[in-house]
Every structure is written in C-alpha cells, then in structure tokens.
Amino acid sequence: MKDVIAILLIIIFAICSGLYVLDTYGNPTQERSIVVVNKTTEIVSYGFGSSTEYLILADDGVVYHAGNWKMYYDMKIGGRYNVTVKNIYDCRHGSNFWRIEKINEV
C-alpha cells in the first residue's frame, strides 16, 4: 500500500512539474507599450468562492488583467506604460486574454 501511495505522489509531482514548465517556457511573455484608457474591477464566481479581476482597457483595444491589485492602482488613466504581458490561456490559439506581469512607467 505504501508503494502505491509513493508511486501516485511521484506521478502527481511529475504532472505538476510538467505543467509548470509548459506555462513558464511554452507561453512566453511579450513587451508592449500601452496607454491606459479605462480601469474597472469585476467580481468573478468560482464554485463556492469568488475573486476580483482587475481589468485595464488600453489604447490598442485589448483588455488586460492586472497581475495584482497594486499594479491596478498604480496605473493611472491616460498614463503610458511599457508592460510585460503573458497570454492567460494559450498563445497558440490567439486568445485575447492577457495578464500584465510587470509595468514600467514611460
């Protein structure tokens, strides 16, 4: 029985490690220069809980998801920023959901 549990733990660890590597290296970040047009928040339900999405509309027409609340509040409407973004879902499918990883004010 202990051998089965150990093998299951090794398999779970290998799957999680593989998914982490795919997310880190299979989904590269991009550098973009944006002007913030508008900002808003949205509460999204996830099963028994919920979370707040911090959304930023940029001059390129894309709605970016701020990586955390501090980024959201630091970005001012009308401000120009160089941002490092990552596609949230899968860059191969041309998803238009982008998460801001890092900001630099211009």
Protein backbone atom coordinates (compact mmCIF):
# COMPACT_ATOMS: atom_id res chain seq x y z
CA MET A 1 0.00 0.00 0.00
CA LYS A 2 2.84 2.40 0.83
CA ASP A 3 4.43 1.67 -2.55
CA VAL A 4 1.20 2.60 -4.35
CA ILE A 5 0.94 5.90 -2.47
CA ALA A 6 4.59 6.70 -3.20
CA ILE A 7 4.11 5.97 -6.91
CA LEU A 8 0.96 8.13 -7.02
CA LEU A 9 2.82 11.01 -5.34
CA ILE A 10 5.66 10.73 -7.86
CA ILE A 11 3.18 10.75 -10.76
CA ILE A 12 1.34 13.79 -9.37
CA PHE A 13 4.65 15.60 -8.84
CA ALA A 14 5.75 14.83 -12.41
CA ILE A 15 2.46 16.09 -13.86
CA CYS A 16 2.60 19.32 -11.82
CA SER A 17 6.23 19.90 -12.78
CA GLY A 18 5.42 19.36 -16.45
CA LEU A 19 2.52 21.81 -16.32
CA TYR A 20 4.72 24.41 -14.62
CA VAL A 21 7.40 24.04 -17.31
CA LEU A 22 4.78 24.36 -20.07
CA ASP A 23 3.35 27.51 -18.50
CA THR A 24 6.76 29.08 -17.95
CA TYR A 25 8.53 28.22 -21.20
CA GLY A 26 5.69 27.34 -23.57
CA ASN A 27 3.89 30.62 -23.01
CA PRO A 28 6.49 33.39 -23.37
CA THR A 29 5.97 36.97 -22.25
CA GLN A 30 5.70 39.90 -24.64
CA GLU A 31 6.71 43.54 -24.28
CA ARG A 32 4.08 46.14 -25.18
CA SER A 33 3.67 49.89 -24.86
CA ILE A 34 0.15 50.94 -23.86
CA VAL A 35 -1.83 53.98 -22.78
CA VAL A 36 -4.46 53.25 -20.11
CA VAL A 37 -7.91 54.30 -21.39
CA ASN A 38 -10.08 52.95 -18.57
CA LYS A 39 -9.91 50.72 -15.49
CA THR A 40 -12.55 48.61 -13.78
CA THR A 41 -12.94 45.65 -11.45
CA GLU A 42 -15.14 42.61 -11.82
CA ILE A 43 -16.09 40.01 -9.22
CA VAL A 44 -15.96 36.51 -10.70
CA SER A 45 -17.53 33.46 -9.02
CA TYR A 46 -15.51 30.27 -8.79
CA GLY A 47 -17.57 27.46 -7.26
CA PHE A 48 -18.08 28.34 -3.59
CA GLY A 49 -15.83 31.39 -3.68
CA SER A 50 -15.12 34.45 -5.76
CA SER A 51 -12.22 36.65 -6.76
CA THR A 52 -11.76 40.17 -8.04
CA GLU A 53 -10.43 40.69 -11.56
CA TYR A 54 -8.59 43.99 -12.09
CA LEU A 55 -9.21 44.98 -15.73
CA ILE A 56 -7.38 47.65 -17.71
CA LEU A 57 -8.53 48.83 -21.15
CA ALA A 58 -5.61 50.02 -23.26
CA ASP A 59 -5.40 52.17 -26.38
CA ASP A 60 -4.74 49.06 -28.51
CA GLY A 61 -8.27 47.82 -27.74
CA VAL A 62 -7.15 44.95 -25.52
CA VAL A 63 -8.50 44.43 -22.00
CA TYR A 64 -5.57 43.43 -19.81
CA HIS A 65 -5.88 41.65 -16.46
CA ALA A 66 -3.61 43.27 -13.88
CA GLY A 67 -1.42 40.73 -12.12
CA ASN A 68 -2.41 42.08 -8.70
CA TRP A 69 -4.28 44.95 -7.08
CA LYS A 70 -1.13 47.06 -6.60
CA MET A 71 -0.44 47.15 -10.34
CA TYR A 72 -4.06 48.11 -10.94
CA TYR A 73 -3.98 51.03 -8.51
CA ASP A 74 -0.52 52.22 -9.60
CA MET A 75 -1.58 52.57 -13.25
CA LYS A 76 -3.25 55.93 -13.94
CA ILE A 77 -5.80 56.61 -16.67
CA GLY A 78 -4.03 58.41 -19.53
CA GLY A 79 -0.61 57.15 -18.42
CA ARG A 80 1.76 55.46 -20.87
CA TYR A 81 3.40 52.25 -19.68
CA ASN A 82 5.77 49.64 -21.03
CA VAL A 83 4.26 46.37 -19.86
CA THR A 84 5.35 42.76 -19.90
CA VAL A 85 2.31 40.62 -20.65
CA LYS A 86 1.57 36.92 -20.84
CA ASN A 87 -1.34 35.24 -22.58
CA ILE A 88 -3.55 33.76 -19.86
CA TYR A 89 -4.84 30.74 -21.74
CA ASP A 90 -2.80 29.62 -24.70
CA CYS A 91 -0.86 31.82 -27.09
CA ARG A 92 -1.22 29.26 -29.89
CA HIS A 93 -4.98 29.81 -30.08
CA GLY A 94 -4.79 33.61 -30.36
CA SER A 95 -6.61 34.21 -27.09
CA ASN A 96 -7.20 37.87 -26.34
CA PHE A 97 -6.91 37.48 -22.54
CA TRP A 98 -3.62 38.99 -21.39
CA ARG A 99 -2.20 39.23 -17.87
CA ILE A 100 0.18 42.07 -17.00
CA GLU A 101 3.29 40.62 -15.36
CA LYS A 102 5.35 43.81 -14.92
CA ILE A 103 4.88 47.55 -15.55
CA ASN A 104 7.29 50.41 -16.22
CA GLU A 105 6.00 53.96 -16.49
CA VAL A 106 7.28 55.86 -19.52
